[in-house]
Structure formats: C-alpha cells, structure tokens
C-alpha cells in the first residue's frame, strides 16, 4: 500500500502544472471562504455591539408577562424603580451597569399637525453607562440630552421634518425648500396613564436622531425619564431596566444568574429576544454566507474532478501498461484516489494558512465601516478554530469525493483498448 501512495505522490510532482492548478483552486477557494466568513463574523459582532451599545442594551428586565403583552398595554407592567433594585442587579457578576426606561406610545403635535410617536424615556445619567454609544445616532448640529434636562427631547429626523421642528429652530431640508415655513423647536406630547387618564406636556427639541429603520425615524421621541413619569402618572416607576455586561460572549450565563437573583417576578431577556427582527436579519446573513461557501466548495469539487478526469485521458496508455503487467484494478483506483487526496490535503493546508494570514492582517489593520444608523467604527475580522478545522476537513473531503469518479474510470479501462490509444 505504501508503494501505491509513493507512486501517487510521484505522479503529482511529475505533472506539476496540472497539480499546481488543482492545488491553487483548492487553496484560493478555501482562503476566500475563510476571509468572507471572517468579515461576516466581524460585521455580525459589530451589528450586535452597535445595537447593544446604541439603544437596546445587552439584557433587559421586565415584569413577568411584559413581552407577551407588549402590543396591548405595556404600561400596566410597571414596577418600582429604586436604588436598592439597581444595586441588586449591578451586584450580579458580569453586570456593568443598569438603567431604567419607560417605553410608551402617544401623540405629538406642533400646534397644527399631530402624529403618533413611540416614546423612549431614559434615565439619562445611567443610559450613558448602559449604552455608551447611544448618542452616536445624533445628527450633526444636535445636542444630546443631559442628566439635568427636564423639558428637552430628541426626535427622529423624519418625524422632525414632518412636523417642521428642529433644535433651536435651525433650518431643515423641508424649510430650505419652503422659506416661508420657519421651523419651530417646541412640541406637545400627550399620552395616557395605565388607567387611561390623558395628560400632555410641552417639550423643546434639543436633538435629532437617525436610524436604520425608517419607521423609527418617523415615530421616535427620546425624553428624560422624569418627564415621562409625570406625563403617564408613573412617578418612581419604570417599565424596563436595560443592563450592560462586561462580555457579550457570557451573555447567557449572566442572563441566567440575573434571573435567579430577581426571581419569578421579573423576566430577563437578551437583546435577541427583545429585537427578533435584528436577530432574524443577522441569521439570514449567516445563511447567505453559508450558501456562498457551499457554492465555492462545489466549484472546487468540479475543478478537481475535471482535472483528474483529464489526467485519466492523458495517461490512458500508462494505465493500459499497468493493467497488462498485472497491477490490479483496485490498486490503480487507489493510486488515482490517493493523488486527489494528497492534492486536497496540500491545497487545503495552503488555503488555510493563506486565509488565516489575510484574516489576521485585516484584523490587525481593521476595515473602516459606517452607515446611516450605525455609529462609525472598524470591522475586525476573525474566524473560529472550529470553523477553520471544519472548512479544512470539507475541502479535503471535496477533493477526495472529486477523485472517486476519475479513479473508477481509470480502473475500469480495458487493457487492450488502453494500449491502442494514441
């Protein structure tokens, strides 16, 4: 058997051009898969960190039953917001910070027109710790909310355009097109308490926010927690507490520990449970990357199969000679199969090294990334060891699979016909 493998390896080096072409196809294909996966992993992590650090928070705490009734009347699931509760939460290992919020719906008016809005009332001082980049979505010229602000809000830029308001009455695109409409800076917010009592409050627009979601820009209003508590009759209460953690890779562990500490009265949800839309988008992205990887491996498989088949045709007389001197068909099949496996292993090894090298370089340098709704940052590609080993194994398997048909074709040749071939 060792002699057969020696013959196979000798044949690989004897036909250097063909072997190099096949090896290059495997190496380049595997390297591309690793690089694409590395960039995809970087974007996946960046998207999660962006969502977690800009708006959502790694974990959210609600009263039990909140998420299943969020579309009806979420204000009914309010609870006391106290320093004792915050201390209890922040004492859990892995928790970095926590801050209260009230999420509600209401009507906003500029005195002439009104629209539905989705309000997000935050504890400004703590929100900066829970979501460090929560002010990264502000438009140029806007001012952020400060802990001592009482009557100021931040409004989605599309909502501001529709109501013709701007911070300090600054010109907007809408007012540029209509110079007779001077933008205002005050709005009236109205909402209902959990018992249905209506109330309203006047606020000043301090900043405009942008988002990847068009509906959010058309409906969002961010305001201090105290303003919403007064508007909704929820003094000293919140509907959720957002939590920041030290390491997103330990999200499940921290979530479980936090749930044990808080007990059945509360439900602790991860960012993916709170934002299933974002989770599904990222999942579909992973599916698309997987499909691209499969296509690349299929192309590599066909390249190897085609090259090995050509090798069979080129070596027809050689195969006939081996058969005529008594070499068994199974041994000839083993020789050709071994050639495919050897080229596959060498090509996969070279491709793995090349792919890891490119990923490491990109991870060190970084890829600048930024778009509307995302705070600008850098992508740092990475691949996991398990995936790298799996890709290497699949590449070798594809090479072996591609060599089966040519090997069988060579072993099934008629010695007389093979010797007659020109």
Protein backbone atom coordinates (compact mmCIF):
# COMPACT_ATOMS: atom_id res chain seq x y z
CA UNK A 1 0.00 0.00 0.00
CA UNK A 2 2.91 2.37 0.76
CA UNK A 3 4.28 1.79 -2.71
CA UNK A 4 0.94 2.81 -4.23
CA UNK A 5 0.97 6.08 -2.30
CA UNK A 6 4.56 6.71 -3.33
CA UNK A 7 3.55 6.23 -6.95
CA UNK A 8 0.60 8.59 -6.47
CA UNK A 9 2.80 11.30 -4.95
CA UNK A 10 5.37 10.84 -7.72
CA UNK A 11 2.62 11.30 -10.31
CA UNK A 12 1.52 14.51 -8.59
CA UNK A 13 5.03 16.00 -8.84
CA UNK A 14 5.55 14.63 -12.34
CA UNK A 15 2.54 16.59 -13.64
CA UNK A 16 3.43 19.83 -11.87
CA UNK A 17 1.38 22.22 -13.96
CA UNK A 18 -1.84 20.27 -13.59
CA UNK A 19 -1.22 19.60 -9.90
CA UNK A 20 -0.40 23.25 -9.23
CA UNK A 21 -3.61 24.35 -10.96
CA UNK A 22 -5.71 21.98 -8.87
CA UNK A 23 -3.89 22.87 -5.66
CA UNK A 24 -4.34 26.59 -6.37
CA UNK A 25 -8.08 26.15 -6.93
CA UNK A 26 -8.44 24.45 -3.55
CA UNK A 27 -6.20 26.95 -1.76
CA UNK A 28 -7.86 30.05 -3.23
CA UNK A 29 -11.36 28.67 -2.71
CA UNK A 30 -10.72 27.82 0.93
CA UNK A 31 -8.94 31.14 1.58
CA UNK A 32 -11.88 33.07 0.11
CA UNK A 33 -14.30 31.13 2.32
CA UNK A 34 -12.26 31.93 5.42
CA UNK A 35 -11.91 35.63 4.55
CA UNK A 36 -15.61 36.02 3.73
CA UNK A 37 -16.54 34.25 6.95
CA UNK A 38 -14.10 36.39 8.92
CA UNK A 39 -15.57 39.63 7.56
CA UNK A 40 -19.09 38.28 8.11
CA UNK A 41 -18.24 37.43 11.72
CA UNK A 42 -16.85 40.93 12.21
CA UNK A 43 -19.98 42.54 10.78
CA UNK A 44 -22.17 40.22 12.89
CA UNK A 45 -20.36 41.23 16.07
CA UNK A 46 -20.28 44.90 15.05
CA UNK A 47 -24.04 44.86 14.40
CA UNK A 48 -24.74 43.29 17.78
CA UNK A 49 -22.42 45.66 19.63
CA UNK A 50 -23.87 48.61 17.73
CA UNK A 51 -27.44 47.63 18.66
CA UNK A 52 -26.49 46.79 22.25
CA UNK A 53 -24.37 49.89 22.85
CA UNK A 54 -26.54 52.37 20.95
CA UNK A 55 -30.07 51.51 22.02
CA UNK A 56 -31.07 48.07 23.25
CA UNK A 57 -28.65 47.05 25.98
CA UNK A 58 -27.28 43.52 26.31
CA UNK A 59 -30.13 42.46 28.61
CA UNK A 60 -33.50 43.91 29.54
CA UNK A 61 -35.51 43.30 32.69
CA UNK A 62 -39.30 43.47 32.65
CA UNK A 63 -42.10 42.40 34.87
CA UNK A 64 -43.14 38.85 34.03
CA UNK A 65 -45.57 38.85 31.09
CA UNK A 66 -44.36 42.12 29.56
CA UNK A 67 -43.01 40.76 26.29
CA UNK A 68 -46.07 38.65 25.59
CA UNK A 69 -48.35 41.68 26.15
CA UNK A 70 -46.16 44.45 24.74
CA UNK A 71 -48.58 45.07 21.85
CA UNK A 72 -51.57 45.69 24.15
CA UNK A 73 -50.81 47.90 27.14
CA UNK A 74 -47.20 47.57 28.28
CA UNK A 75 -47.59 50.37 30.83
CA UNK A 76 -49.58 48.01 33.04
CA UNK A 77 -46.37 46.06 33.65
CA UNK A 78 -44.64 48.87 35.52
CA UNK A 79 -42.62 48.39 38.70
CA UNK A 80 -40.80 50.43 41.33
CA UNK A 81 -37.52 51.95 40.23
CA UNK A 82 -35.29 52.12 43.28
CA UNK A 83 -31.62 52.29 44.15
CA UNK A 84 -32.00 49.04 46.05
CA UNK A 85 -33.15 47.22 42.91
CA UNK A 86 -30.35 48.74 40.82
CA UNK A 87 -27.76 47.73 43.41
CA UNK A 88 -29.15 44.20 43.45
CA UNK A 89 -28.82 43.99 39.68
CA UNK A 90 -25.35 45.53 39.46
CA UNK A 91 -24.01 43.18 42.15
CA UNK A 92 -24.50 40.21 39.83
CA UNK A 93 -21.17 39.03 38.42
CA UNK A 94 -20.69 40.25 34.85
CA UNK A 95 -23.15 43.16 35.07
CA UNK A 96 -21.53 46.51 34.32
CA UNK A 97 -24.42 48.98 34.63
CA UNK A 98 -28.22 49.21 34.67
CA UNK A 99 -30.71 51.98 33.92
CA UNK A 100 -34.48 52.38 33.92
CA UNK A 101 -36.70 53.17 30.95
CA UNK A 102 -40.34 53.66 30.06
CA UNK A 103 -41.44 52.62 26.59
CA UNK A 104 -44.83 54.03 25.57
CA UNK A 105 -46.96 55.39 22.73
CA UNK A 106 -48.67 58.74 22.39
CA UNK A 107 -49.45 61.70 20.13
CA UNK A 108 -47.10 64.54 19.27
CA UNK A 109 -48.24 67.89 17.89
CA UNK A 110 -46.65 71.10 16.66
CA UNK A 111 -49.87 73.07 17.12
CA UNK A 112 -51.07 72.47 13.56
CA UNK A 113 -50.41 68.81 12.84
CA UNK A 114 -50.10 65.76 15.01
CA UNK A 115 -48.66 62.27 14.62
CA UNK A 116 -48.28 59.04 16.52
CA UNK A 117 -44.95 58.62 18.31
CA UNK A 118 -43.12 55.88 20.17
CA UNK A 119 -41.54 57.29 23.29
CA UNK A 120 -38.38 56.03 24.93
CA UNK A 121 -37.88 57.66 28.32
CA UNK A 122 -34.44 57.04 29.81
CA UNK A 123 -32.50 57.68 32.97
CA UNK A 124 -30.02 59.90 31.13
CA UNK A 125 -27.13 59.57 33.59
CA UNK A 126 -27.35 55.77 33.63
CA UNK A 127 -28.20 55.40 29.94
CA UNK A 128 -24.74 56.66 29.08
CA UNK A 129 -23.30 53.72 31.04
CA UNK A 130 -25.73 51.11 29.72
CA UNK A 131 -25.47 52.21 26.08
CA UNK A 132 -22.14 54.06 25.71
CA UNK A 133 -22.83 54.99 22.10
CA UNK A 134 -26.49 55.93 22.49
CA UNK A 135 -25.69 59.47 21.38
CA UNK A 136 -23.85 58.27 18.27
CA UNK A 137 -27.10 58.36 16.31
CA UNK A 138 -27.44 62.14 16.69
CA UNK A 139 -27.40 64.23 13.53
CA UNK A 140 -24.85 66.97 13.02
CA UNK A 141 -25.66 70.13 14.95
CA UNK A 142 -27.83 68.33 17.51
CA UNK A 143 -27.22 68.47 21.22
CA UNK A 144 -27.56 65.41 23.47
CA UNK A 145 -29.78 65.13 26.50
CA UNK A 146 -28.08 65.84 29.81
CA UNK A 147 -28.95 64.42 33.27
CA UNK A 148 -30.34 67.78 34.45
CA UNK A 149 -32.58 68.29 31.39
CA UNK A 150 -36.29 68.36 32.21
CA UNK A 151 -38.27 69.65 29.23
CA UNK A 152 -35.98 68.68 26.34
CA UNK A 153 -36.32 65.75 23.94
CA UNK A 154 -34.57 64.16 20.98
CA UNK A 155 -36.74 63.43 17.94
CA UNK A 156 -36.31 61.16 14.90
CA UNK A 157 -35.23 63.31 11.98
CA UNK A 158 -38.08 62.17 9.71
CA UNK A 159 -40.63 62.98 12.41
CA UNK A 160 -38.97 66.38 12.86
CA UNK A 161 -39.24 67.07 9.13
CA UNK A 162 -42.93 66.12 9.02
CA UNK A 163 -43.67 68.42 11.97
CA UNK A 164 -41.24 71.11 10.80
CA UNK A 165 -39.26 71.32 14.01
CA UNK A 166 -35.53 71.49 14.63
CA UNK A 167 -33.14 72.16 17.52
CA UNK A 168 -33.13 75.90 18.25
CA UNK A 169 -35.24 76.45 15.13
CA UNK A 170 -32.36 75.56 12.80
CA UNK A 171 -33.15 75.21 9.10
CA UNK A 172 -34.01 71.73 7.88
CA UNK A 173 -34.27 70.32 4.36
CA UNK A 174 -38.02 70.85 4.48
CA UNK A 175 -37.69 74.50 5.46
CA UNK A 176 -34.99 75.05 2.84
CA UNK A 177 -37.50 74.13 0.15
CA UNK A 178 -40.15 76.34 1.72
CA UNK A 179 -38.54 79.52 3.13
CA UNK A 180 -41.91 80.81 4.35
CA UNK A 181 -42.15 77.97 6.89
CA UNK A 182 -39.81 78.80 9.72
CA UNK A 183 -39.17 75.63 11.75
CA UNK A 184 -40.16 75.64 15.39
CA UNK A 185 -38.43 73.99 18.32
CA UNK A 186 -41.34 73.13 20.64
CA UNK A 187 -43.72 70.18 20.57
CA UNK A 188 -46.64 68.96 22.63
CA UNK A 189 -46.61 65.33 23.80
CA UNK A 190 -49.77 63.64 25.01
CA UNK A 191 -50.18 60.18 26.49
CA UNK A 192 -52.40 58.08 28.69
CA UNK A 193 -51.64 56.53 32.07
CA UNK A 194 -52.22 52.80 32.65
CA UNK A 195 -55.67 53.74 33.99
CA UNK A 196 -56.48 55.72 30.83
CA UNK A 197 -56.03 59.23 32.23
CA UNK A 198 -54.92 61.64 29.47
CA UNK A 199 -52.17 64.17 30.03
CA UNK A 200 -49.95 66.44 27.93
CA UNK A 201 -46.64 68.25 28.27
CA UNK A 202 -44.75 70.83 26.21
CA UNK A 203 -41.16 69.98 25.33
CA UNK A 204 -38.26 71.58 23.48
CA UNK A 205 -36.47 69.77 20.65
CA UNK A 206 -32.82 69.51 21.59
CA UNK A 207 -31.55 67.00 19.06
CA UNK A 208 -32.45 64.84 16.06
CA UNK A 209 -31.68 61.13 15.81
CA UNK A 210 -31.28 58.81 12.83
CA UNK A 211 -31.81 55.09 12.50
CA UNK A 212 -31.52 52.20 10.05
CA UNK A 213 -35.27 51.68 10.41
CA UNK A 214 -37.35 54.28 8.52
CA UNK A 215 -40.36 53.75 10.81
CA UNK A 216 -38.24 54.51 13.84
CA UNK A 217 -37.09 57.84 12.37
CA UNK A 218 -40.71 58.73 11.64
CA UNK A 219 -42.01 57.91 15.12
CA UNK A 220 -39.24 58.05 17.76
CA UNK A 221 -39.05 60.51 20.62
CA UNK A 222 -36.39 60.16 23.33
CA UNK A 223 -37.02 62.05 26.56
CA UNK A 224 -35.85 62.14 30.18
CA UNK A 225 -37.39 59.54 32.48
CA UNK A 226 -38.83 62.15 34.85
CA UNK A 227 -40.83 63.79 32.04
CA UNK A 228 -42.45 60.51 31.02
CA UNK A 229 -43.17 59.57 34.64
CA UNK A 230 -45.03 62.85 35.11
CA UNK A 231 -46.83 62.57 31.77
CA UNK A 232 -48.01 58.99 32.37
CA UNK A 233 -48.62 59.14 36.10
CA UNK A 234 -45.79 56.67 36.80
CA UNK A 235 -43.77 58.64 39.32
CA UNK A 236 -40.96 56.47 40.69
CA UNK A 237 -41.74 53.63 38.27
CA UNK A 238 -40.40 52.19 35.01
CA UNK A 239 -41.45 49.52 32.53
CA UNK A 240 -37.98 48.09 31.91
CA UNK A 241 -34.38 48.17 33.07
CA UNK A 242 -31.62 47.88 30.47
CA UNK A 243 -28.44 46.12 31.54
CA UNK A 244 -24.87 46.35 30.20
CA UNK A 245 -22.49 43.43 30.74
CA UNK A 246 -18.72 43.07 30.64
CA UNK A 247 -18.52 40.34 27.98
CA UNK A 248 -21.17 39.61 25.35
CA UNK A 249 -19.76 36.09 24.96
CA UNK A 250 -21.02 35.36 28.50
CA UNK A 251 -24.47 36.76 27.81
CA UNK A 252 -26.34 33.52 28.53
CA UNK A 253 -24.52 32.94 31.82
CA UNK A 254 -25.15 36.48 33.09
CA UNK A 255 -28.79 36.26 31.98
CA UNK A 256 -29.29 33.03 33.91
CA UNK A 257 -27.62 34.36 37.06
CA UNK A 258 -29.59 37.59 36.92
CA UNK A 259 -32.85 35.67 36.56
CA UNK A 260 -32.02 33.63 39.67
CA UNK A 261 -31.31 36.78 41.69
CA UNK A 262 -34.50 38.60 40.62
CA UNK A 263 -36.82 35.61 40.89
CA UNK A 264 -40.08 34.80 39.07
CA UNK A 265 -41.48 38.32 39.49
CA UNK A 266 -39.24 39.52 36.66
CA UNK A 267 -38.21 38.18 33.27
CA UNK A 268 -34.68 38.76 31.97
CA UNK A 269 -34.44 38.90 28.17
CA UNK A 270 -31.43 39.08 25.86
CA UNK A 271 -31.11 41.56 23.01
CA UNK A 272 -32.12 38.86 20.51
CA UNK A 273 -35.36 38.15 22.39
CA UNK A 274 -36.19 41.85 22.59
CA UNK A 275 -35.28 42.53 18.95
CA UNK A 276 -36.20 39.41 16.95
CA UNK A 277 -36.11 41.45 13.73
CA UNK A 278 -32.39 42.19 14.12
CA UNK A 279 -31.74 38.58 15.14
CA UNK A 280 -33.50 37.30 12.02
CA UNK A 281 -31.63 39.72 9.75
CA UNK A 282 -28.28 38.57 11.11
CA UNK A 283 -29.37 34.93 10.86
CA UNK A 284 -30.28 35.39 7.19
CA UNK A 285 -26.89 36.99 6.64
CA UNK A 286 -25.21 33.89 8.06
CA UNK A 287 -27.34 31.69 5.78
CA UNK A 288 -26.26 33.71 2.73
CA UNK A 289 -22.59 33.40 3.68
CA UNK A 290 -23.06 29.65 4.13
CA UNK A 291 -24.62 29.40 0.66
CA UNK A 292 -21.66 31.29 -0.86
CA UNK A 293 -19.26 28.92 0.90
CA UNK A 294 -21.12 25.87 -0.39
CA UNK A 295 -21.03 27.24 -3.95
CA UNK A 296 -17.28 27.84 -3.71
CA UNK A 297 -16.70 24.30 -2.46
CA UNK A 298 -18.84 22.91 -5.30
CA UNK A 299 -16.77 24.86 -7.83
CA UNK A 300 -13.58 23.49 -6.28
CA UNK A 301 -15.04 19.98 -6.47
CA UNK A 302 -15.75 20.34 -10.19
CA UNK A 303 -12.28 21.77 -10.86
CA UNK A 304 -10.66 18.78 -9.16
CA UNK A 305 -12.93 16.27 -10.90
CA UNK A 306 -12.27 17.86 -14.29
CA UNK A 307 -8.51 17.95 -13.75
CA UNK A 308 -8.34 14.34 -12.58
CA UNK A 309 -10.52 13.20 -15.47
CA UNK A 310 -8.13 14.90 -17.91
CA UNK A 311 -5.28 13.10 -16.16
CA UNK A 312 -7.01 9.79 -16.85
CA UNK A 313 -7.31 10.56 -20.59
CA UNK A 314 -3.70 11.75 -20.79
CA UNK A 315 -2.40 8.60 -19.07
CA UNK A 316 -4.52 6.04 -20.92
CA UNK A 317 -1.53 4.14 -22.34
CA UNK A 318 0.16 4.22 -18.94
CA UNK A 319 -2.95 2.72 -17.33
CA UNK A 320 -3.11 0.05 -20.03
CA UNK A 321 0.53 -0.84 -19.40
CA UNK A 322 -0.04 -1.19 -15.65
CA UNK A 323 -3.08 -3.41 -16.22
CA UNK A 324 -1.21 -5.59 -18.71
CA UNK A 325 1.69 -6.29 -16.31
CA UNK A 326 -0.67 -7.50 -13.60
CA UNK A 327 -1.41 -4.47 -11.46
CA UNK A 328 -4.92 -4.92 -10.07
CA UNK A 329 -7.75 -2.56 -10.91
CA UNK A 330 -8.26 -1.80 -7.22
CA UNK A 331 -4.63 -0.70 -6.97
CA UNK A 332 -4.98 1.64 -9.95
CA UNK A 333 -8.11 3.08 -8.38
CA UNK A 334 -6.17 3.60 -5.15
CA UNK A 335 -3.36 5.44 -6.98
CA UNK A 336 -5.70 7.97 -8.62
CA UNK A 337 -7.74 8.39 -5.45
CA UNK A 338 -4.57 8.95 -3.44
CA UNK A 339 -3.48 11.65 -5.90
CA UNK A 340 -6.74 13.54 -5.30
CA UNK A 341 -6.47 13.23 -1.53
CA UNK A 342 -2.82 14.32 -1.49
CA UNK A 343 -3.52 17.39 -3.64
CA UNK A 344 -6.58 18.11 -1.49
CA UNK A 345 -4.63 17.97 1.78
CA UNK A 346 -1.79 20.15 0.49
CA UNK A 347 -4.20 22.62 -1.15
CA UNK A 348 -6.43 22.79 1.95
CA UNK A 349 -3.39 23.34 4.18
CA UNK A 350 -2.09 26.12 1.92
CA UNK A 351 -5.56 27.67 1.68
CA UNK A 352 -5.99 27.57 5.45
CA UNK A 353 -2.66 29.29 6.02
CA UNK A 354 -3.42 31.90 3.35
CA UNK A 355 -6.92 32.56 4.68
CA UNK A 356 -5.77 32.85 8.29
CA UNK A 357 -2.94 35.18 7.25
CA UNK A 358 -5.33 37.51 5.40
CA UNK A 359 -7.83 37.46 8.28
CA UNK A 360 -5.09 38.23 10.81
CA UNK A 361 -3.82 41.14 8.71
CA UNK A 362 -7.34 42.54 8.30
CA UNK A 363 -7.98 42.05 12.00
CA UNK A 364 -4.82 43.99 12.84
CA UNK A 365 -5.46 46.81 10.34
CA UNK A 366 -9.27 46.89 10.59
CA UNK A 367 -11.86 47.69 7.95
CA UNK A 368 -13.47 51.15 8.28
CA UNK A 369 -17.23 50.84 8.43
CA UNK A 370 -20.05 53.28 8.94
CA UNK A 371 -23.51 53.92 7.58
CA UNK A 372 -26.74 55.68 8.37
CA UNK A 373 -27.98 54.37 11.69
CA UNK A 374 -24.62 52.90 12.66
CA UNK A 375 -22.01 54.71 14.67
CA UNK A 376 -18.80 54.74 12.67
CA UNK A 377 -16.27 52.13 13.64
CA UNK A 378 -13.94 49.41 12.44
CA UNK A 379 -14.59 45.82 11.49
CA UNK A 380 -12.05 43.35 12.86
CA UNK A 381 -12.47 40.04 11.00
CA UNK A 382 -11.97 36.77 12.87
CA UNK A 383 -12.61 33.07 12.33
CA UNK A 384 -13.17 30.46 14.98
CA UNK A 385 -10.89 27.45 15.30
CA UNK A 386 -13.81 25.03 14.98
CA UNK A 387 -14.92 26.60 11.70
CA UNK A 388 -11.37 26.65 10.34
CA UNK A 389 -10.88 22.96 11.07
CA UNK A 390 -14.31 22.19 9.60
CA UNK A 391 -13.51 24.12 6.41
CA UNK A 392 -10.18 22.29 6.10
CA UNK A 393 -11.93 18.93 6.52
CA UNK A 394 -14.63 19.80 3.99
CA UNK A 395 -12.01 20.89 1.44
CA UNK A 396 -10.14 17.59 1.80
CA UNK A 397 -13.43 15.69 1.61
CA UNK A 398 -14.38 17.54 -1.59
CA UNK A 399 -11.01 16.67 -3.10
CA UNK A 400 -11.45 13.01 -2.18
CA UNK A 401 -15.02 12.99 -3.47
CA UNK A 402 -13.95 14.59 -6.75
CA UNK A 403 -11.32 11.91 -7.25
CA UNK A 404 -13.70 8.95 -6.96
CA UNK A 405 -15.15 9.10 -10.49
CA UNK A 406 -11.80 9.53 -12.33
CA UNK A 407 -10.30 6.73 -10.20
CA UNK A 408 -13.13 4.37 -11.05
CA UNK A 409 -12.91 5.33 -14.71
CA UNK A 410 -9.21 4.54 -14.79
CA UNK A 411 -9.62 1.19 -13.03
CA UNK A 412 -12.42 0.09 -15.37
CA UNK A 413 -10.39 0.55 -18.58
CA UNK A 414 -9.85 -2.37 -20.95
CA UNK A 415 -6.08 -3.01 -21.14
CA UNK A 416 -6.13 -3.75 -24.89
CA UNK A 417 -8.10 -0.60 -25.74
CA UNK A 418 -5.92 1.46 -23.43
CA UNK A 419 -2.71 0.27 -25.13
CA UNK A 420 -4.14 1.07 -28.57
CA UNK A 421 -4.89 4.64 -27.57
CA UNK A 422 -2.67 7.20 -29.26
